Each structure stands twice: as C-alpha cells, then as structure tokens.
Amino acid sequence: MTRRFSQLVAWACAGLILAQVLLGAYALFDIGAFARLTQRTLALPIQWVSVEPTQWYALLLLTVLAALPGLAALYFLRRSFAKFARGEYFNDANSRDLRRFAVLLLAQALLRPLHHVLASVVLSVNHPPGQKLLSLSLGSHELQAIGLALVFWVLASLLLEGARLQSENRQFV
C-alpha cells in the first residue's frame, strides 16, 4: 500500500464525514427534500400524503442517530490511514483505531434493520387501524458489512501481533 493511496483514503474519509454532516444539516432546513428522497428510496407501502412534518423530523432524527456509528467508524478509519500515510503500520494505536472501526461498522450494520423497523412505524403511525406498518428488512448489504467488520477486526489483531514482533526484533539487534 502506498503512502499516497493511504493519504487519499484518509482525505476521502474526512470528505465523507463532512458531506454527511452537511447533508444532515441541509435536510434539517429543507425537510421537504428529505421527504422526497425518503419516498424514492424507502420501499414501503406508506400513504405518503398523510405523513405530517413532525413525522418527517422524527424520521430525520432516527436517521441521524443511526448514522452516528458510521460517522465515528469513518473517523477511526481516517485516523488509521493517516498513520499508514506517515509510514506507521505496526503499532497499538493503529490496532485500536481499526478495532474501533470494526466495532462501529458492526454496530452500523446491526442498526440498519432497526432503523428500517422504526422508520416504518414512524411513517405509518397516523394511518387508520389495520393499515399501520411494521417492516423488517435484512439484506446482503448488512451481511456484507458484518463480514467486513469481522475482517477488519482480524486485521487489527494482525497489526497488534506485527507490532509485538517488530518490538521483539528490535530487542535482538
């Protein structure tokens, strides 16, 4: 892995964090845009005309809360790649940052189906009796994220073992 590529990944992580924060702030001030985006992306049989602004704000709050572990994961991934860009590969700090990334990515993957359930309840809460909705969705994206989190957990352990071996080798010289 080149240092330039590592620096590029670190900057991309920072850019993604900034973009998500700005998108959340924009949605707060233009809830109609958030509502239109939700209607296009959320495959739920909701009576969209009956959804009130308070429900959209509640859904926005749920969405922001569900995105927080992902933002924190990107922060720790950025820190780790910034260290890689400086040539720091095998140390405790990288291992800790990658483990935090793995745990937060796992949390994000587990929160996504819960977010879908809560979104369906929030958006259909004012529907007539018998038409309220509770929808659970678990797909390959969540399973891929769980797998990726486990791979990063193992990589973090390997970095820690590499740091131990590097320290051990220095003592022999």
Protein backbone atom coordinates (compact mmCIF):
# COMPACT_ATOMS: atom_id res chain seq x y z
CA MET A 1 0.00 0.00 0.00
CA THR A 2 1.47 3.31 -0.98
CA ARG A 3 1.56 6.31 1.28
CA ARG A 4 -0.22 8.43 -1.32
CA PHE A 5 -3.07 5.97 -1.54
CA SER A 6 -3.34 5.90 2.26
CA GLN A 7 -3.43 9.70 2.32
CA LEU A 8 -6.13 9.65 -0.38
CA VAL A 9 -8.25 7.24 1.67
CA ALA A 10 -7.78 9.40 4.78
CA TRP A 11 -8.92 12.51 2.89
CA ALA A 12 -11.85 10.60 1.35
CA CYS A 13 -12.99 9.55 4.83
CA ALA A 14 -12.81 13.16 6.02
CA GLY A 15 -14.75 14.27 2.94
CA LEU A 16 -17.45 11.66 3.52
CA ILE A 17 -17.82 12.74 7.14
CA LEU A 18 -18.16 16.38 6.12
CA ALA A 19 -20.61 15.52 3.32
CA GLN A 20 -22.86 13.52 5.66
CA VAL A 21 -22.89 16.28 8.26
CA LEU A 22 -23.75 18.88 5.62
CA LEU A 23 -26.44 16.62 4.16
CA GLY A 24 -27.99 16.18 7.61
CA ALA A 25 -27.96 19.93 8.20
CA TYR A 26 -29.50 20.55 4.77
CA ALA A 27 -32.26 18.01 5.49
CA LEU A 28 -33.00 19.77 8.76
CA PHE A 29 -33.60 23.05 6.94
CA ASP A 30 -35.34 21.52 3.90
CA ILE A 31 -37.44 18.69 5.30
CA GLY A 32 -39.34 18.52 2.00
CA ALA A 33 -36.18 17.42 0.18
CA PHE A 34 -35.61 14.77 2.85
CA ALA A 35 -39.24 13.63 2.44
CA ARG A 36 -38.91 13.34 -1.35
CA LEU A 37 -35.66 11.40 -1.04
CA THR A 38 -37.21 9.07 1.52
CA GLN A 39 -40.24 8.42 -0.66
CA ARG A 40 -37.99 7.47 -3.58
CA THR A 41 -35.63 5.25 -1.62
CA LEU A 42 -37.79 3.61 1.03
CA ALA A 43 -39.81 0.76 -0.44
CA LEU A 44 -42.74 0.84 1.98
CA PRO A 45 -46.49 0.92 1.28
CA ILE A 46 -46.97 4.22 3.11
CA GLN A 47 -49.77 6.68 2.44
CA TRP A 48 -47.31 9.48 1.82
CA VAL A 49 -49.92 12.25 1.75
CA SER A 50 -50.86 11.50 5.35
CA VAL A 51 -47.30 11.87 6.70
CA GLU A 52 -47.02 15.05 8.77
CA PRO A 53 -43.95 17.27 9.15
CA THR A 54 -43.40 16.08 12.74
CA GLN A 55 -43.12 12.53 11.43
CA TRP A 56 -40.51 13.63 8.88
CA TYR A 57 -38.49 15.35 11.61
CA ALA A 58 -38.78 12.25 13.81
CA LEU A 59 -37.54 10.12 10.92
CA LEU A 60 -34.69 12.56 10.30
CA LEU A 61 -33.69 12.29 13.96
CA LEU A 62 -33.77 8.48 13.74
CA THR A 63 -31.70 8.61 10.57
CA VAL A 64 -29.10 10.90 12.12
CA LEU A 65 -28.85 8.68 15.21
CA ALA A 66 -28.49 5.58 13.04
CA ALA A 67 -25.75 7.28 11.00
CA LEU A 68 -23.63 8.27 14.03
CA PRO A 69 -21.80 4.91 14.36
CA GLY A 70 -20.96 5.08 10.66
CA LEU A 71 -19.56 8.59 11.03
CA ALA A 72 -17.49 7.54 14.03
CA ALA A 73 -16.28 4.48 12.09
CA LEU A 74 -15.13 6.71 9.24
CA TYR A 75 -13.30 8.92 11.75
CA PHE A 76 -11.31 5.97 13.12
CA LEU A 77 -10.62 4.62 9.63
CA ARG A 78 -9.34 8.07 8.63
CA ARG A 79 -7.02 8.15 11.64
CA SER A 80 -5.62 4.73 10.81
CA PHE A 81 -5.00 5.55 7.15
CA ALA A 82 -3.40 8.87 8.12
CA LYS A 83 -0.92 6.86 10.21
CA PHE A 84 -0.35 4.48 7.30
CA ALA A 85 0.41 7.53 5.13
CA ARG A 86 3.10 8.55 7.64
CA GLY A 87 4.62 5.06 7.46
CA GLU A 88 3.31 3.93 10.85
CA TYR A 89 1.98 0.43 10.28
CA PHE A 90 2.54 -1.83 13.24
CA ASN A 91 1.54 -0.09 16.45
CA ASP A 92 -1.08 -0.24 19.18
CA ALA A 93 -2.80 2.96 18.04
CA ASN A 94 -3.50 1.58 14.54
CA SER A 95 -4.79 -1.64 16.01
CA ARG A 96 -7.09 0.24 18.39
CA ASP A 97 -8.37 2.51 15.62
CA LEU A 98 -9.09 -0.42 13.29
CA ARG A 99 -10.82 -2.33 16.08
CA ARG A 100 -12.97 0.70 16.84
CA PHE A 101 -13.76 0.96 13.14
CA ALA A 102 -14.74 -2.73 13.09
CA VAL A 103 -16.97 -2.44 16.16
CA LEU A 104 -18.68 0.70 14.85
CA LEU A 105 -19.16 -0.83 11.41
CA LEU A 106 -20.74 -3.85 13.07
CA ALA A 107 -23.00 -1.55 15.11
CA GLN A 108 -23.97 0.31 11.93
CA ALA A 109 -24.83 -2.97 10.19
CA LEU A 110 -26.98 -4.09 13.12
CA LEU A 111 -28.70 -0.70 13.45
CA ARG A 112 -29.74 -0.56 9.82
CA PRO A 113 -32.58 -3.13 10.13
CA LEU A 114 -33.70 -1.49 13.39
CA HIS A 115 -33.78 1.88 11.61
CA HIS A 116 -35.99 0.35 8.91
CA VAL A 117 -38.39 -1.01 11.54
CA LEU A 118 -38.60 2.31 13.37
CA ALA A 119 -38.99 4.23 10.09
CA SER A 120 -41.95 2.09 9.10
CA VAL A 121 -43.60 2.68 12.47
CA VAL A 122 -42.94 6.44 12.50
CA LEU A 123 -44.22 6.94 8.95
CA SER A 124 -47.39 4.88 9.42
CA VAL A 125 -48.30 5.92 12.97
CA ASN A 126 -51.22 8.07 11.82
CA HIS A 127 -52.64 5.53 9.38
CA PRO A 128 -56.10 4.13 10.19
CA PRO A 129 -56.31 0.98 12.32
CA GLY A 130 -55.32 -2.08 10.32
CA GLN A 131 -53.10 -0.06 7.98
CA LYS A 132 -50.21 0.69 10.34
CA LEU A 133 -46.95 -0.83 9.26
CA LEU A 134 -44.08 -2.70 10.91
CA SER A 135 -41.47 -3.71 8.34
CA LEU A 136 -38.18 -5.51 8.91
CA SER A 137 -35.56 -5.62 6.18
CA LEU A 138 -32.31 -7.56 6.33
CA GLY A 139 -30.36 -7.84 3.13
CA SER A 140 -26.99 -8.64 1.68
CA HIS A 141 -25.65 -5.13 2.42
CA GLU A 142 -25.97 -5.72 6.14
CA LEU A 143 -24.37 -9.17 5.86
CA GLN A 144 -21.51 -7.72 3.81
CA ALA A 145 -20.94 -5.01 6.40
CA ILE A 146 -20.88 -7.60 9.19
CA GLY A 147 -18.34 -9.65 7.22
CA LEU A 148 -16.22 -6.57 6.53
CA ALA A 149 -16.29 -5.63 10.22
CA LEU A 150 -15.04 -9.09 11.15
CA VAL A 151 -12.24 -8.88 8.56
CA PHE A 152 -11.12 -5.52 9.97
CA TRP A 153 -11.20 -6.96 13.50
CA VAL A 154 -8.82 -9.71 12.37
CA LEU A 155 -6.60 -7.19 10.55
CA ALA A 156 -6.41 -5.09 13.71
CA SER A 157 -5.29 -8.16 15.64
CA LEU A 158 -2.65 -8.87 12.98
CA LEU A 159 -1.34 -5.31 13.26
CA LEU A 160 -1.04 -5.73 17.02
CA GLU A 161 0.85 -9.00 16.55
CA GLY A 162 3.07 -7.29 13.97
CA ALA A 163 3.83 -4.53 16.47
CA ARG A 164 4.76 -7.13 19.06
CA LEU A 165 7.07 -8.94 16.61
CA GLN A 166 8.64 -5.65 15.47
CA SER A 167 9.36 -4.71 19.08
CA GLU A 168 10.77 -8.16 19.75
CA ASN A 169 13.03 -7.92 16.67
CA ARG A 170 14.39 -4.53 17.80
CA GLN A 171 15.48 -6.06 21.11
CA PHE A 172 17.63 -8.65 19.31
CA VAL A 173 19.53 -6.04 17.28
